[in-house]
Amino acid sequence: MKRNAKNVLVGFGVLGLLLGAFIGFLSRPSSPIAGRVSFIDTLTRGAFLEGVNQVMLSLAERSFDIMLIGALIGLVVGVLAAYLIKR
C-alpha cells in the first residue's frame, strides 16, 4: 500500500471516528426529570458528579458508552469508505 493511500485511509478513519462520536453524543439518552448530562460529564462518565447529581451517574456512563459505540462504528465506516474509494 502506498503512503498516499495510507494517509487517505487514516484521514477517512479519523473523520468517521469524529463524526460517529458526534452523532453518538447527540443521540445520548435523557432523564425525564433532569434532561441530558453535559458533555464534560459524558466524557468523564460522571466522575465529578456530587450530591444530588450523583443520581445521574448511570446516565452519564450510558451516554459515554453510546458515544464510544458511535465513534467505533464511524471509524469502521470511514476506513471501509476509504478502502472502497481507493480501490
Protein backbone atom coordinates (compact mmCIF):
# COMPACT_ATOMS: atom_id res chain seq x y z
CA MET A 1 0.00 0.00 0.00
CA LYS A 2 1.35 3.39 -0.97
CA ARG A 3 1.95 6.15 1.52
CA ASN A 4 -0.74 8.36 -0.01
CA ALA A 5 -3.29 5.54 0.25
CA LYS A 6 -2.45 5.09 3.94
CA ASN A 7 -2.91 8.82 4.54
CA VAL A 8 -6.34 8.71 2.91
CA LEU A 9 -7.24 5.63 4.95
CA VAL A 10 -6.19 7.30 8.21
CA GLY A 11 -7.88 10.58 7.25
CA PHE A 12 -11.20 8.92 6.49
CA GLY A 13 -10.87 6.83 9.65
CA VAL A 14 -10.36 9.89 11.84
CA LEU A 15 -13.18 11.74 10.10
CA GLY A 16 -15.51 8.78 10.60
CA LEU A 17 -14.44 8.49 14.24
CA LEU A 18 -15.21 12.13 14.98
CA LEU A 19 -18.48 12.12 13.06
CA GLY A 20 -19.60 8.90 14.76
CA ALA A 21 -18.72 10.27 18.20
CA PHE A 22 -20.67 13.45 17.44
CA ILE A 23 -23.72 11.50 16.31
CA GLY A 24 -23.41 9.24 19.36
CA PHE A 25 -23.24 12.28 21.63
CA LEU A 26 -26.33 13.79 20.05
CA SER A 27 -28.27 10.55 20.49
CA ARG A 28 -27.43 10.09 24.18
CA PRO A 29 -30.34 9.28 26.49
CA SER A 30 -32.05 11.78 28.73
CA SER A 31 -33.70 11.66 32.11
CA PRO A 32 -37.36 12.70 32.39
CA ILE A 33 -36.51 14.83 35.41
CA ALA A 34 -33.09 16.34 34.72
CA GLY A 35 -32.68 16.01 30.94
CA ARG A 36 -29.36 15.12 29.36
CA VAL A 37 -25.97 15.18 31.05
CA SER A 38 -23.40 17.71 29.90
CA PHE A 39 -20.52 16.99 27.54
CA ILE A 40 -17.94 17.06 30.34
CA ASP A 41 -19.98 14.67 32.48
CA THR A 42 -20.35 12.38 29.47
CA LEU A 43 -16.61 12.33 28.77
CA THR A 44 -15.70 11.69 32.40
CA ARG A 45 -18.51 9.12 32.83
CA GLY A 46 -19.88 11.22 35.71
CA ALA A 47 -16.70 11.07 37.80
CA PHE A 48 -17.19 14.61 39.11
CA LEU A 49 -20.92 14.42 39.88
CA GLU A 50 -21.58 15.24 43.52
CA GLY A 51 -24.54 15.50 45.83
CA VAL A 52 -27.97 15.29 44.26
CA ASN A 53 -26.43 14.99 40.79
CA GLN A 54 -24.99 11.60 41.80
CA VAL A 55 -28.26 10.02 40.64
CA MET A 56 -27.23 10.91 37.07
CA LEU A 57 -24.11 8.70 37.28
CA SER A 58 -25.61 5.75 35.42
CA LEU A 59 -26.99 8.11 32.77
CA ALA A 60 -23.53 9.63 32.25
CA GLU A 61 -21.99 6.17 31.95
CA ARG A 62 -24.61 5.10 29.43
CA SER A 63 -24.11 8.33 27.46
CA PHE A 64 -20.37 7.69 27.27
CA ASP A 65 -20.96 4.13 26.10
CA ILE A 66 -23.29 5.30 23.33
CA MET A 67 -20.78 7.95 22.25
CA LEU A 68 -17.97 5.37 22.21
CA ILE A 69 -20.02 2.89 20.17
CA GLY A 70 -20.86 5.66 17.70
CA ALA A 71 -17.19 6.55 17.39
CA LEU A 72 -16.19 2.94 16.73
CA ILE A 73 -18.90 2.45 14.13
CA GLY A 74 -17.86 5.73 12.49
CA LEU A 75 -14.25 4.59 12.42
CA VAL A 76 -15.13 1.32 10.71
CA VAL A 77 -17.39 3.04 8.17
CA GLY A 78 -14.72 5.67 7.44
CA VAL A 79 -11.99 3.09 6.88
CA LEU A 80 -14.27 0.97 4.68
CA ALA A 81 -15.28 4.02 2.65
CA ALA A 82 -11.63 4.98 2.11
CA TYR A 83 -10.76 1.43 1.12
CA LEU A 84 -13.61 1.28 -1.40
CA ILE A 85 -12.82 4.70 -2.84
CA LYS A 86 -9.11 3.97 -3.30
CA ARG A 87 -9.87 0.57 -4.81
